[in-house]
Every structure is written in structure tokens, then in C-alpha cells.
Protein backbone atom coordinates (compact mmCIF):
# COMPACT_ATOMS: atom_id res chain seq x y z
CA MET A 1 2.60 20.27 20.22
CA GLY A 2 -1.08 19.60 19.95
CA HIS A 3 -0.97 15.86 19.27
CA ARG A 4 -3.84 15.19 21.61
CA ARG A 5 -6.29 15.79 18.90
CA TYR A 6 -5.05 12.45 17.25
CA LEU A 7 -6.36 10.57 20.35
CA GLU A 8 -9.76 9.03 20.87
CA MET A 9 -12.26 11.47 22.24
CA ASN A 10 -12.50 9.74 25.61
CA HIS A 11 -8.79 9.54 26.27
CA PRO A 12 -7.74 10.88 29.60
CA PHE A 13 -4.95 12.97 28.04
CA ARG A 14 -7.47 15.23 26.40
CA LYS A 15 -8.65 16.61 29.77
CA ASP A 16 -5.21 16.67 31.39
CA ALA A 17 -4.54 20.54 30.92
CA LYS A 18 -1.60 20.60 33.49
CA SER A 19 0.61 18.03 31.78
CA PHE A 20 0.34 19.68 28.46
CA ASN A 21 -0.31 23.28 27.40
CA GLY A 22 -2.64 24.29 30.16
CA ALA A 23 -5.84 23.84 28.13
CA VAL A 24 -8.24 20.92 27.54
CA GLU A 25 -8.29 19.47 24.09
CA TYR A 26 -11.50 18.87 22.10
CA GLY A 27 -10.23 19.10 18.51
CA LYS A 28 -10.46 16.42 15.99
CA PRO A 29 -7.55 15.21 13.74
CA PRO A 30 -7.42 16.98 10.32
CA GLY A 31 -8.85 15.14 7.44
CA ARG A 32 -6.77 13.85 4.48
CA LEU A 33 -5.92 16.66 2.09
CA MET A 34 -6.77 15.78 -1.56
CA GLY A 35 -5.62 17.55 -4.67
CA SER A 36 -9.14 18.62 -5.49
CA THR A 37 -9.58 20.18 -1.97
CA ILE A 38 -6.55 22.35 -2.45
CA LEU A 39 -7.82 23.48 -5.83
CA ASP A 40 -11.20 24.29 -4.29
CA GLU A 41 -9.68 26.27 -1.51
CA LEU A 42 -7.35 28.22 -3.95
CA ALA A 43 -10.39 29.12 -5.99
CA GLY A 44 -12.39 30.29 -3.03
CA TYR A 45 -9.46 32.35 -1.70
CA SER A 46 -9.11 34.05 -5.14
CA ILE A 47 -12.87 34.77 -5.40
CA LYS A 48 -12.86 36.24 -1.86
CA LEU A 49 -10.19 38.76 -2.82
CA GLY A 50 -11.95 39.44 -6.17
CA LYS A 51 -8.84 38.55 -8.30
CA THR A 52 -7.82 35.59 -10.33
CA VAL A 53 -5.34 33.38 -8.89
CA SER A 54 -2.62 34.05 -11.44
CA ASP A 55 -2.89 37.83 -10.92
CA ASN A 56 -3.14 37.86 -7.15
CA PRO A 57 0.02 39.29 -5.59
CA GLU A 58 -1.09 38.50 -2.03
CA LEU A 59 -0.93 34.74 -2.45
CA PRO A 60 1.95 33.34 -0.16
CA PHE A 61 3.62 31.56 -3.15
CA ASN A 62 4.65 32.05 -6.69
CA TRP A 63 1.57 30.74 -8.62
CA LYS A 64 3.41 30.73 -12.02
CA LYS A 65 5.95 28.28 -10.63
CA LEU A 66 3.32 25.98 -9.14
CA SER A 67 0.58 26.17 -11.80
CA ILE A 68 2.32 23.42 -13.75
CA PHE A 69 1.51 20.91 -11.00
CA PHE A 70 -2.14 22.03 -10.66
CA ASP A 71 -2.63 21.72 -14.34
CA LEU A 72 -1.54 18.02 -14.41
CA PRO A 73 -4.72 15.87 -15.17
CA TYR A 74 -4.23 13.61 -12.31
CA TRP A 75 -3.65 16.48 -9.64
CA LYS A 76 -7.24 16.31 -8.32
CA ASP A 77 -6.94 12.55 -7.69
CA ASN A 78 -3.31 12.47 -6.33
CA MET A 79 -3.43 10.96 -2.80
CA ILE A 80 0.24 11.76 -1.98
CA ARG A 81 1.45 15.01 -3.28
CA HIS A 82 4.70 15.03 -1.42
CA ASN A 83 6.18 11.86 -0.26
CA LEU A 84 7.62 12.10 3.35
CA ASP A 85 11.22 10.81 3.47
CA VAL A 86 11.52 8.53 6.51
CA MET A 87 15.37 8.65 6.28
CA HIS A 88 15.52 12.41 6.99
CA ILE A 89 12.78 12.25 9.53
CA GLU A 90 14.45 9.50 11.55
CA LYS A 91 17.85 11.38 11.27
CA ASN A 92 16.48 14.63 12.58
CA ILE A 93 14.42 13.21 15.34
CA SER A 94 17.46 11.10 16.49
CA GLU A 95 19.65 14.14 16.38
CA ILE A 96 17.26 16.19 18.50
CA ILE A 97 16.93 13.46 21.05
CA VAL A 98 20.60 12.88 21.45
CA ALA A 99 21.44 16.66 21.61
CA THR A 100 18.77 17.29 24.18
CA LEU A 101 19.63 14.37 26.38
CA LEU A 102 23.47 15.13 26.33
CA ASN A 103 22.80 18.96 26.32
CA LEU A 104 24.89 19.32 23.10
CA GLU A 105 24.90 22.35 20.75
CA LYS A 106 21.57 21.58 19.26
CA THR A 107 19.72 20.85 22.46
CA LYS A 108 16.20 21.82 22.75
CA ASP A 109 16.45 22.46 26.55
CA ASN A 110 18.07 25.93 26.92
CA LYS A 111 17.15 29.25 28.41
CA LYS A 112 14.80 30.22 25.52
CA SER A 113 12.90 27.04 25.80
CA ARG A 114 12.37 27.56 29.63
CA LEU A 115 11.25 31.10 28.94
CA ASP A 116 8.65 29.68 26.63
CA LEU A 117 7.28 27.67 29.51
CA ARG A 118 7.13 30.85 31.59
CA ASP A 119 5.33 32.81 28.82
CA MET A 120 2.83 29.96 28.41
CA GLY A 121 2.25 29.81 32.19
CA ILE A 122 2.98 26.01 32.50
CA ARG A 123 5.56 23.90 34.39
CA SER A 124 6.59 26.58 36.85
CA GLU A 125 9.12 24.24 38.50
CA LEU A 126 11.26 24.52 35.28
CA HIS A 127 11.23 28.34 34.90
CA PRO A 128 14.79 29.97 34.90
CA ILE A 129 15.98 31.16 38.26
CA GLU A 130 17.63 34.63 37.90
CA LYS A 131 20.86 34.94 39.84
CA GLY A 132 21.66 38.58 38.97
CA ASN A 133 24.47 39.96 36.72
CA GLY A 134 22.49 38.56 33.69
CA ARG A 135 23.17 34.94 34.82
CA SER A 136 20.33 32.32 35.49
CA VAL A 137 20.08 28.70 36.53
CA LEU A 138 17.87 26.13 34.85
CA PRO A 139 16.45 23.56 37.36
CA PRO A 140 17.38 20.00 36.10
CA ALA A 141 14.47 18.60 34.06
CA CYS A 142 13.28 14.97 34.39
CA PHE A 143 15.20 14.10 31.19
CA THR A 144 18.40 15.93 32.13
CA MET A 145 21.26 13.43 32.59
CA LYS A 146 23.84 13.73 35.22
CA LYS A 147 27.55 13.66 34.22
CA LYS A 148 27.86 9.96 35.24
CA GLU A 149 24.67 9.03 33.19
CA LYS A 150 25.99 10.81 30.07
CA GLU A 151 29.26 8.81 30.37
CA ILE A 152 27.25 5.59 30.72
CA PHE A 153 25.20 6.52 27.64
CA CYS A 154 28.22 7.18 25.56
CA LYS A 155 30.19 4.24 26.91
CA VAL A 156 27.45 1.95 25.66
CA LEU A 157 27.51 3.31 22.18
CA LYS A 158 31.39 3.51 22.19
CA GLY A 159 31.66 -0.27 23.06
CA ILE A 160 29.17 -1.52 20.42
CA LYS A 161 30.52 -3.83 17.75
CA VAL A 162 27.89 -4.82 15.05
CA PRO A 163 28.02 -7.34 12.20
CA ASP A 164 29.72 -6.59 8.92
CA GLY A 165 27.45 -4.57 6.72
CA TYR A 166 25.02 -3.80 9.48
CA ALA A 167 26.26 -0.18 10.21
CA ALA A 168 29.32 1.98 10.11
CA ASN A 169 31.73 1.99 12.98
CA ILE A 170 29.63 4.35 15.25
CA SER A 171 32.17 4.16 18.07
CA ARG A 172 34.47 6.54 16.04
CA CYS A 173 31.82 9.26 16.42
CA VAL A 174 31.36 8.90 20.24
CA LYS A 175 33.50 10.44 22.98
CA VAL A 176 33.06 9.48 26.55
CA LYS A 177 34.99 12.27 28.29
CA PRO A 178 33.59 14.67 27.60
CA PRO A 179 30.36 12.96 26.62
CA LYS A 180 29.76 13.98 22.96
CA ILE A 181 28.37 12.38 19.76
CA SER A 182 29.12 13.96 16.38
CA GLY A 183 29.75 13.17 12.76
CA LEU A 184 26.99 10.43 12.39
CA LYS A 185 25.68 9.76 8.86
CA SER A 186 21.90 9.26 7.95
CA HIS A 187 22.13 5.49 8.18
CA ASP A 188 23.97 5.77 11.59
CA TYR A 189 21.08 7.71 12.92
CA HIS A 190 18.74 5.03 11.40
CA ILE A 191 20.46 2.32 13.28
CA LEU A 192 20.72 4.46 16.48
CA MET A 193 17.09 5.28 16.46
CA GLN A 194 15.75 1.67 15.78
CA GLN A 195 18.25 -0.51 17.69
CA LEU A 196 20.88 1.29 19.81
CA LEU A 197 19.08 4.22 21.50
CA PRO A 198 16.77 1.99 23.79
CA ILE A 199 19.80 -0.02 24.86
CA ALA A 200 21.78 2.99 25.62
CA LEU A 201 18.84 4.45 27.78
CA ARG A 202 18.39 1.40 29.96
CA ARG A 203 20.80 2.48 32.59
CA THR A 204 20.36 6.17 32.56
CA LEU A 205 16.94 7.86 32.61
CA SER A 206 13.90 6.85 34.76
CA LYS A 207 11.35 4.53 33.26
CA ALA A 208 8.74 7.29 32.89
CA VAL A 209 11.12 9.17 30.64
CA ARG A 210 12.79 6.31 28.66
CA SER A 211 9.62 4.41 28.06
CA PRO A 212 8.16 6.81 25.46
CA LEU A 213 11.58 7.03 23.58
CA ILE A 214 11.74 3.27 23.54
CA LYS A 215 8.30 3.04 22.12
CA LEU A 216 9.18 5.56 19.56
CA SER A 217 12.12 3.47 18.52
CA ARG A 218 9.88 0.37 18.14
CA TYR A 219 7.48 2.46 16.20
CA PHE A 220 10.01 3.24 13.54
CA ARG A 221 11.34 -0.35 13.61
CA LYS A 222 7.89 -1.73 12.84
CA LEU A 223 7.22 0.92 10.24
CA CYS A 224 10.39 0.19 8.37
CA SER A 225 9.77 -3.54 8.31
CA LYS A 226 9.87 -5.14 4.82
CA VAL A 227 6.42 -6.51 5.24
CA LEU A 228 3.47 -4.98 7.02
CA ASP A 229 0.11 -6.32 7.74
CA PRO A 230 -2.62 -3.56 7.22
CA ALA A 231 -4.14 -4.44 10.62
CA ASP A 232 -0.70 -3.64 12.24
CA LEU A 233 -0.79 -0.25 10.36
CA VAL A 234 -4.10 0.67 12.08
CA HIS A 235 -2.50 -0.15 15.44
CA LEU A 236 0.60 1.92 14.60
CA GLU A 237 -1.54 4.92 13.61
CA LYS A 238 -3.15 4.95 17.04
CA GLU A 239 0.09 4.21 18.87
CA ILE A 240 2.20 7.11 17.39
CA GLY A 241 -0.37 9.65 18.68
CA ILE A 242 -0.08 8.40 22.21
CA ILE A 243 3.76 8.25 21.87
CA LEU A 244 3.89 11.94 20.92
CA CYS A 245 1.53 12.93 23.61
CA GLN A 246 3.71 11.18 26.19
CA LEU A 247 6.70 13.00 24.79
CA GLU A 248 4.79 16.30 25.15
CA ARG A 249 4.40 15.64 28.82
CA ILE A 250 8.27 15.31 29.23
CA PHE A 251 10.01 17.63 26.79
CA PRO A 252 9.53 21.46 26.32
CA PRO A 253 7.49 22.79 23.36
CA SER A 254 10.65 23.78 21.46
CA PHE A 255 11.36 20.01 21.10
CA PHE A 256 8.37 19.51 18.70
CA ASN A 257 9.62 20.91 15.42
CA VAL A 258 8.05 19.87 12.12
CA MET A 259 10.26 16.79 11.71
CA VAL A 260 8.96 15.38 15.18
CA HIS A 261 5.38 16.20 14.07
CA LEU A 262 5.74 14.45 10.68
CA ALA A 263 6.07 11.05 12.39
CA VAL A 264 2.29 11.02 12.89
CA HIS A 265 1.64 11.07 9.06
CA LEU A 266 4.07 8.22 8.13
CA VAL A 267 1.58 5.34 8.63
CA SER A 268 -1.17 6.99 6.57
CA GLU A 269 1.46 7.27 3.72
CA ALA A 270 2.38 3.65 4.20
CA LYS A 271 -1.21 2.61 3.74
CA ILE A 272 -1.25 4.53 0.37
CA GLY A 273 2.28 4.13 -1.04
CA GLY A 274 3.35 0.80 0.45
CA PRO A 275 6.60 -0.19 1.96
CA VAL A 276 8.96 2.50 3.31
CA HIS A 277 11.99 0.98 1.88
CA TYR A 278 10.61 1.58 -1.61
CA ARG A 279 10.18 5.25 -0.97
CA TRP A 280 13.00 6.55 1.07
CA MET A 281 16.20 8.26 -0.02
CA TYR A 282 18.97 5.68 0.81
CA PRO A 283 19.33 4.20 -2.64
CA ILE A 284 19.16 7.64 -4.28
CA GLU A 285 21.84 9.05 -1.97
CA ARG A 286 23.90 6.06 -2.41
CA TYR A 287 23.90 6.38 -6.22
CA LEU A 288 24.52 10.04 -6.00
CA GLY A 289 27.55 9.29 -3.95
CA THR A 290 28.67 6.83 -6.53
CA LEU A 291 28.33 9.37 -9.43
CA LYS A 292 30.25 11.96 -7.41
CA SER A 293 33.09 9.48 -6.80
CA TYR A 294 33.61 9.36 -10.62
CA VAL A 295 34.18 13.02 -10.81
CA ARG A 296 37.91 13.87 -10.62
CA ASN A 297 37.88 17.20 -12.40
CA ARG A 298 34.83 19.14 -11.29
CA SER A 299 35.05 21.46 -14.28
CA ARG A 300 34.51 18.47 -16.67
CA PRO A 301 32.16 16.09 -14.76
CA GLU A 302 30.72 14.46 -17.91
CA GLY A 303 34.04 13.11 -19.18
CA CYS A 304 35.16 11.94 -15.73
CA ILE A 305 31.98 10.03 -15.17
CA ALA A 306 32.22 8.20 -18.50
CA GLU A 307 35.86 7.30 -17.74
CA GLY A 308 34.89 6.11 -14.19
CA GLN A 309 32.04 3.84 -15.50
CA HIS A 310 34.31 2.27 -18.00
CA HIS A 311 36.80 1.59 -15.24
CA LYS A 312 34.09 -0.09 -13.12
CA MET A 313 32.89 -2.30 -16.09
CA VAL A 314 36.51 -3.49 -16.71
CA LYS A 315 36.89 -4.26 -12.96
CA GLU A 316 33.71 -6.39 -12.90
CA GLN A 317 34.75 -8.35 -15.96
CA ASN A 318 38.08 -9.32 -14.27
CA PRO A 319 37.18 -10.16 -10.59
CA CYS A 320 39.95 -11.09 -8.11
CA ALA A 321 38.97 -13.12 -5.11
CA GLY A 322 40.92 -15.14 -2.54
CA LYS A 323 40.07 -18.45 -0.80
CA HIS A 324 40.79 -19.07 2.88
CA VAL A 325 41.17 -22.77 3.49
CA ILE A 326 42.54 -24.25 6.80
CA GLU A 327 42.48 -27.86 7.68
CA ARG A 328 40.77 -30.75 9.28
CA ILE A 329 38.03 -32.26 11.33
CA HIS A 330 37.17 -35.80 12.55
CA CYS A 331 33.90 -37.69 12.86
CA GLU A 332 32.46 -38.79 16.13
CA ASN A 333 31.45 -42.45 16.92
CA PHE A 334 27.98 -41.87 15.51
CA ALA A 335 29.39 -41.98 11.95
CA ASP A 336 30.76 -45.54 12.27
CA TRP A 337 27.55 -46.75 13.88
CA PHE A 338 25.47 -45.18 11.20
CA SER A 339 27.65 -46.78 8.44
CA ASP A 340 27.26 -50.27 9.89
CA HIS A 341 23.48 -49.80 10.52
CA VAL A 342 22.79 -48.92 6.78
CA LYS A 343 24.80 -51.90 5.61
CA GLN A 344 22.86 -54.25 7.87
CA ILE A 345 19.52 -52.99 6.53
CA GLN A 346 20.63 -53.24 2.99
CA VAL A 347 21.81 -56.87 3.41
CA ALA A 348 19.20 -58.24 5.73
CA ASP A 349 15.95 -56.60 4.22
CA GLY A 350 17.15 -55.92 0.70
CA VAL A 351 15.99 -52.32 0.86
CA ASP A 352 17.08 -50.21 -1.98
CA ILE A 353 19.00 -47.27 -0.38
CA SER A 354 19.53 -44.07 -2.35
CA LYS A 355 22.98 -42.95 -3.42
CA ASP A 356 22.93 -39.91 -1.02
CA LEU A 357 22.16 -42.05 1.94
CA LYS A 358 24.90 -44.49 1.01
CA LEU A 359 27.50 -41.73 0.77
CA LEU A 360 26.30 -40.35 4.03
CA ALA A 361 26.62 -43.67 5.83
CA ARG A 362 30.06 -44.10 4.37
CA GLY A 363 30.96 -41.04 6.47
CA PRO A 364 33.08 -37.96 5.75
CA ASN A 365 36.64 -38.12 4.63
CA ASN A 366 39.27 -38.35 7.37
CA VAL A 367 40.60 -34.82 6.54
CA GLY A 368 38.24 -31.91 6.56
CA ARG A 369 38.33 -28.17 6.65
CA THR A 370 37.94 -25.42 9.21
CA TYR A 371 37.14 -21.90 8.38
CA GLN A 372 37.34 -18.65 10.36
CA LYS A 373 34.51 -16.93 8.28
CA ILE A 374 31.58 -18.01 6.16
CA LEU A 375 28.46 -16.71 4.57
CA VAL A 376 25.30 -18.73 5.33
CA ASN A 377 21.55 -17.84 5.41
CA GLY A 378 22.46 -14.32 4.16
CA PHE A 379 24.66 -13.68 7.20
CA ARG A 380 28.48 -13.23 7.41
CA PHE A 381 29.84 -15.15 10.46
CA HIS A 382 33.24 -14.87 11.92
CA THR A 383 34.81 -16.97 14.72
CA ARG A 384 35.56 -15.29 17.99
CA GLN A 385 39.29 -15.54 17.35
CA LEU A 386 38.95 -13.66 14.05
CA GLU A 387 36.59 -11.09 15.47
CA SER A 388 39.02 -10.12 18.25
CA GLN A 389 41.14 -8.36 15.64
CA ARG A 390 38.20 -6.53 14.04
CA LYS A 391 35.99 -3.56 14.80
CA THR A 392 32.76 -5.54 13.88
CA GLN A 393 31.07 -8.33 15.66
CA ASN A 394 29.95 -11.44 13.57
CA SER A 395 30.28 -14.35 16.14
CA GLY A 396 26.84 -14.00 17.67
CA VAL A 397 24.48 -17.06 16.99
CA LEU A 398 20.91 -17.88 17.71
CA VAL A 399 19.12 -21.17 17.20
CA ASN A 400 15.33 -21.52 17.92
CA ALA A 401 14.89 -25.25 18.75
CA THR A 402 11.89 -27.19 19.54
CA THR A 403 12.56 -29.69 22.58
CA SER A 404 10.59 -32.39 24.33
CA SER A 405 9.96 -32.05 28.14
CA PHE A 406 8.52 -34.63 30.56
CA SER A 407 8.75 -32.51 33.64
CA SER A 408 5.31 -30.99 33.52
CA THR A 409 3.24 -34.04 32.80
CA LYS A 410 2.06 -36.89 35.05
CA ASP A 411 1.69 -39.58 32.33
CA ASN A 412 5.09 -39.00 30.99
CA ASN A 413 3.85 -37.73 27.67
CA PRO A 414 6.32 -35.23 26.16
CA ILE A 415 5.45 -31.63 25.58
CA LEU A 416 6.98 -29.80 22.71
CA SER A 417 8.37 -26.41 23.66
CA ASP A 418 10.31 -23.74 21.84
CA LEU A 419 13.81 -22.88 23.37
CA ALA A 420 16.19 -20.24 22.20
CA TYR A 421 19.90 -21.00 22.35
CA TYR A 422 22.21 -17.99 22.24
CA GLY A 423 25.85 -18.62 21.37
CA ILE A 424 29.30 -17.39 20.39
CA LEU A 425 30.87 -18.96 17.38
CA THR A 426 34.31 -20.59 18.21
CA ASN A 427 34.90 -22.75 15.12
CA ILE A 428 33.53 -23.54 11.63
CA LEU A 429 33.77 -27.13 10.39
CA GLU A 430 33.27 -28.58 6.98
CA LEU A 431 32.64 -32.33 6.45
CA ASN A 432 33.16 -33.77 3.01
CA TYR A 433 31.12 -36.62 2.02
CA THR A 434 32.62 -37.12 -1.58
CA GLU A 435 31.12 -36.19 -4.92
CA GLY A 436 30.78 -32.59 -3.89
CA ARG A 437 28.45 -33.41 -0.81
CA THR A 438 29.47 -31.33 2.21
CA VAL A 439 27.94 -30.50 5.61
CA THR A 440 28.97 -27.37 7.56
CA LEU A 441 28.88 -27.30 11.38
CA PHE A 442 29.22 -24.46 13.86
CA GLU A 443 30.89 -25.07 17.09
CA CYS A 444 29.75 -22.60 19.75
CA ASP A 445 29.69 -21.73 23.39
CA TRP A 446 25.95 -21.93 24.28
CA ILE A 447 23.53 -20.68 26.96
CA SER A 448 19.74 -21.34 26.78
CA LYS A 449 18.23 -20.86 30.24
CA GLY A 450 18.97 -20.56 33.85
CA LYS A 451 20.98 -17.85 35.70
CA ARG A 452 22.89 -16.85 32.49
CA LEU A 453 19.80 -15.58 30.69
CA LYS A 454 17.31 -12.96 31.84
CA GLN A 455 14.86 -10.31 30.73
CA ASP A 456 14.92 -6.82 32.17
CA GLU A 457 11.85 -4.49 32.84
CA ASP A 458 12.12 -2.88 29.34
CA GLY A 459 11.75 -6.13 27.73
CA PHE A 460 15.44 -6.66 26.59
CA THR A 461 17.00 -10.05 26.69
CA LEU A 462 20.46 -10.20 28.46
CA ALA A 463 22.85 -12.97 28.24
CA ASN A 464 26.03 -13.70 30.30
CA PHE A 465 28.90 -15.56 28.72
CA LYS A 466 31.64 -14.91 31.35
CA ASN A 467 33.54 -18.12 32.24
CA VAL A 468 30.79 -20.21 30.50
CA LYS A 469 31.64 -23.90 30.41
CA PRO A 470 31.92 -25.91 27.17
CA HIS A 471 28.47 -27.35 26.21
CA PRO A 472 28.31 -31.08 26.01
CA GLU A 473 26.86 -30.81 22.47
CA PRO A 474 28.53 -27.75 20.96
CA TYR A 475 27.84 -28.43 17.27
CA VAL A 476 24.93 -27.15 15.21
CA ILE A 477 24.30 -27.34 11.45
CA ALA A 478 25.10 -23.93 9.94
CA THR A 479 21.92 -23.73 8.04
CA GLN A 480 19.92 -23.80 11.25
CA VAL A 481 21.27 -20.58 12.81
CA SER A 482 20.53 -16.80 12.58
CA GLN A 483 22.68 -14.01 13.77
CA VAL A 484 22.63 -11.81 16.82
CA PHE A 485 25.11 -9.27 18.36
CA TYR A 486 25.74 -8.47 22.01
CA VAL A 487 25.93 -4.95 23.54
CA GLU A 488 27.67 -4.84 26.83
CA ASP A 489 25.85 -3.71 29.83
CA PRO A 490 28.01 -0.81 31.51
CA LEU A 491 26.67 -1.43 35.05
CA ALA A 492 26.34 -5.27 35.12
CA GLU A 493 29.67 -7.03 34.72
CA GLY A 494 29.51 -9.90 32.17
CA TRP A 495 25.94 -9.14 31.07
CA SER A 496 25.12 -8.11 27.48
CA VAL A 497 21.98 -7.06 25.72
CA VAL A 498 20.96 -9.34 22.78
CA VAL A 499 20.08 -7.62 19.56
CA ALA A 500 18.62 -9.82 16.79
CA THR A 501 19.39 -9.12 13.04
CA SER A 502 17.81 -10.26 9.77
CA PRO A 503 19.41 -10.58 6.29
CA ARG A 504 18.74 -7.80 3.91
CA ASN A 505 17.09 -10.22 1.33
CA GLU A 506 14.76 -11.80 3.84
CA PHE A 507 11.12 -10.80 3.97
CA MET A 508 9.70 -13.00 6.58
CA MET A 509 6.24 -13.49 5.07
CA ASP A 510 3.90 -16.02 6.41
CA PRO A 511 3.44 -18.68 3.77
CA VAL A 512 -0.12 -19.52 4.68
CA CYS A 513 -1.34 -16.00 4.33
CA ASP A 514 -2.34 -14.34 1.06
CA ILE A 515 0.63 -12.18 -0.22
CA GLU A 516 -1.86 -9.55 -1.45
CA MET A 517 -3.10 -8.74 2.02
CA TYR A 518 0.40 -7.30 2.92
CA LEU A 519 1.95 -3.94 2.24
CA GLN A 520 5.31 -4.80 3.65
CA SER A 521 7.30 -7.89 7.45
CA THR A 522 4.88 -9.48 9.73
CA ILE A 523 5.27 -7.48 12.93
CA THR A 524 5.48 -9.42 16.19
CA SER A 525 3.51 -7.74 18.91
CA THR A 526 5.57 -6.20 21.67
CA THR A 527 4.53 -5.86 25.30
CA GLN A 528 3.23 -2.46 26.06
CA MET A 529 4.60 -0.69 28.96
CA ASP A 530 2.12 0.06 31.58
CA ASN A 531 3.09 3.77 32.42
CA GLU A 532 1.02 5.45 29.79
CA ASN A 533 -0.92 7.64 32.54
CA GLU A 534 1.90 7.77 34.96
CA ASP A 535 2.45 11.18 36.61
CA ILE A 536 5.45 13.05 35.26
CA ARG A 537 7.60 14.97 37.64
CA TRP A 538 9.28 17.67 35.61
CA VAL A 539 12.13 18.31 37.91
CA ARG A 540 14.53 15.56 38.97
CA GLU A 541 14.18 14.61 42.61
CA ASP A 542 17.68 13.17 42.88
CA ASP A 543 19.52 16.49 42.66
CA GLY A 544 20.49 16.35 39.07
CA ASP A 545 22.99 18.79 37.60
CA GLU A 546 21.79 22.37 37.28
CA ILE A 547 22.34 24.12 33.93
CA LEU A 548 23.98 27.59 34.22
CA HIS A 549 23.27 30.26 31.65
């Protein structure tokens, strides 16, 4: 605990003793610890005891093992002495949150944590109630889920299908009855923290409890973007202090181990070290896993690795790939009109028309191709029919279109407005215009506005495709789309939460801005929830399930 010192001096949390540790906070955040500062502190500590550093047995570390680092010429100027790994921090925080909410084995809400509250003299409503015979009852905390809420939480995660390559099959690690989550890998926790946790919390905890957790998720999502504006980093550094203080008002002190605390230092490291994805452990862990896979005889690892590498090289030189071709599409009436129109212009006006335009006007071949899957814009798309046989979801489509509207003007001058179309891919069509010129179209079921699209109080977009009617213009050029996936709402039939994705090779940098002013993706501002100073009731008022110890 103690994150109030990272807030501004006039912030109301600093004087709110009741909601925190029972004391007012006047402290300031610690300054940046430089290498030269550590050397000066060690020298002063040694002089105080009257001994040299190397001969001092009272130092709380082995100086001989560490002296090699202090003797390096750049040590005094080193700004990051130990890079914090966002991968493991995300994993540990996610694991703590899930275990505490579902009351699993590693929960931070147990009898010992409640006794801590009693010893500190705070939150008397949550102190254990002794029942005799060594048994006690823990009053349900505001973050304690009922049995039904736990099942809803796990049901959402159990039913999620994500695009290929987006994440592992997380549903295999989730049980609904009894509610349990286990066996997740580091990247699974990464996806859980940044995307899935806020969606799973929508229908369970109160807004006062879920809001800081959703903000924490958005914090990590922004921090791990491929491009970061330095101005956004300044905002994130202030935001994480407030988020951790909001969590302090909700969870017990035992919740805040060192991993939770380290989140407050990640932004300052991003300012110095640059993008997170250049400094975390995912590529290293992946390569270590590759090396381990080459080892068949653990007593002779070197020979096995050499043999495995040669096998990999031979496989790359002789690739084996199959093609999936199905048949045919027809043109609409527009193709015939366009062909005649181009011929008339050429004959009447003598205009020299390019070869590409002539081939386009001639129209596509009578026989085309249909596909069930395709790679476009860095995304892998599947049709709904193919997706029904798989554990992943690749049929979600998003098109951001600019449309003209006359409804809001008196002089009938059109107003351009952006409109998002959400769809489900039903067919992939390829038109062949000879000489290798092709156009790929997506046929989709679409919704864009009206009763089938809404936004909830947490800022999530929800779509309803149940019994949707065919759109009069179902086709869109494949290169115009991006990918989304839909997470089913467990309490609202037919409704799904929309989750946007981005290809791994896309950096989303603003072309009009100087590239040197960035550290890492331009962050879109999110609406801040207006419950920062809302009173927290530590005990659930709706008769939540008591915990028996």
C-alpha cells in the first residue's frame, strides 16, 4: 500500500484516512535512483560503520558478487539498472485478481488478510466473526462474488472464441461448475488482463469495484501499444497512481505485493527504454522453448540441438503448402453498364483510356472463385460456415465508412460523417479481370446503427446479429476491412461485446507527425469513469455469500 504519495499534493485521497490505512498521507514520491546515488549511499554506509565495503560482514548482500557491476565504467550513469519485465508483472497481477475474485487457492482475501485489517484497526465491518470451536466467518467483501456471479464470469471466458494467432484456446483452462480457472500461460494472462477481464466483469461486480479493474486493464493496453506519444506517457504516469489508490480502497493490504506495486514504475521505464515490446520476455521465452524442443536426449543436449536445427533447415528448403480453390461468382448489372460507358467515351471523345481501365470495363470472367478463408491486411479471415467447425473466431469484420447525410441541414448540403459497420463474413468472392488482375469481395451480414447496436455504461460496444436480415448491399472490397471478434453477453440474449484487433505488423503511426517524437502506437483517449471519489462500501449490501474458515 502507500500509493497516495504518487498523487498530487491537493488530491482528496491524501486526507481520506478512513478509506486507506487510517492515516493522512503527506509524503512525496521517491526520486529516481541513479547508479551514482547507490555508490554514494554504499560509501556513506561503510564510513558510518568504520569499515571498507569489501570487508564489511554486516552488509545485506554479497559484495564480492556485486562488485563487478559497480566497477563498470557506465554504472554511475546507468538510468535503468534492472529492466522490469511487463510480461511477468501482467501475469502475476492477473493471477492475483482472478484468484481473489473467484476465491481460489491463491486468493488474497482469507482469514489472515482479515486479521491484518483488525491489527491495523481499519475496516471493522470486514473483521472475522468468531463462531467458537476454532471456526470463524468472514463477512462478504464488496469484491466477493456470489456463486451465480462466479459462474457468469467463467461462462463468459469459457465461451470466447478469438481469431487465429490472437491467443491460445483459453476456454480449455476454464470450468464453470465449479467456477475455476487454472493452467493459463503467460500470454493467456496478457490477453486476459488487456482484453477479456473487463468484458467478464461487466455483468458481475458493482461499478465502484469493476471500474478500477477496467482502468487497470486499459492502462496495460495503452502501455503495451506499439507506438506511444510522450504526452500520453505523462498522462499514464498520473493515471496509474490514482488506479492503485482506488484499488487500495477496495482490496485488503495483502493484495498489494511487490508485483502490483511495480506497475507504478513501468511508465518511467518506458520513457527511458522505449517500447515495451522491445524489452519484455516473450521472444526470449519463445526461443528458449524452441531450443528445448530440439533436445531429445537430455544427457547430450548439444548434439540434439545441432540435429534438430539441421532438420528445421531441410524442412524450410522443401516447403509443402496446399491450395483451396472453390468456384464461381457472377457480375451485377453495373459491369455491363460500365463496359458500354467506357466504349462510348473512347469512340465519341477520342479519349486515350489506360489498359487497366479497359480491362476493368470489359468486366470479370464469367467464372470466378469463392474461398472460405483468406489473408488480407495482415488478418486471417474465415467464413461463418468454416468457423462453425473450429475453436477460433475469424469471421468478425469492421468497416469504417464516411457517408453523406442530408437530414441535419436546411439547405440540403451534405454533411460527411463517419459510420462504423460491424459484420459477419459469409462468403469470399474473387473476380478475375484477366492478365492477373483480380478484385476480392467480402459478402457479409451487416449492422451499423439502430436497435442492433448500443454502448453500455462501461464504454463497451455491443452488437446483436440474431435473426439479422440480409443487407441490400452486402459486398465490400476486402482491402477496406479490419477484424473484430464478438464475446457473447451471458445475460442479454443475442448481444455480444465487440473487441477490435490489429495485425501484428501494424504500427498505426500518424503520417503527419514527426516519427522521432514517438517512443512507441498513438493512443486514443478513453472516456474516464466518473466514480473516482465515490464512497466504497466494504461489505456487500445484497447478502453476498459468507466465507467460512
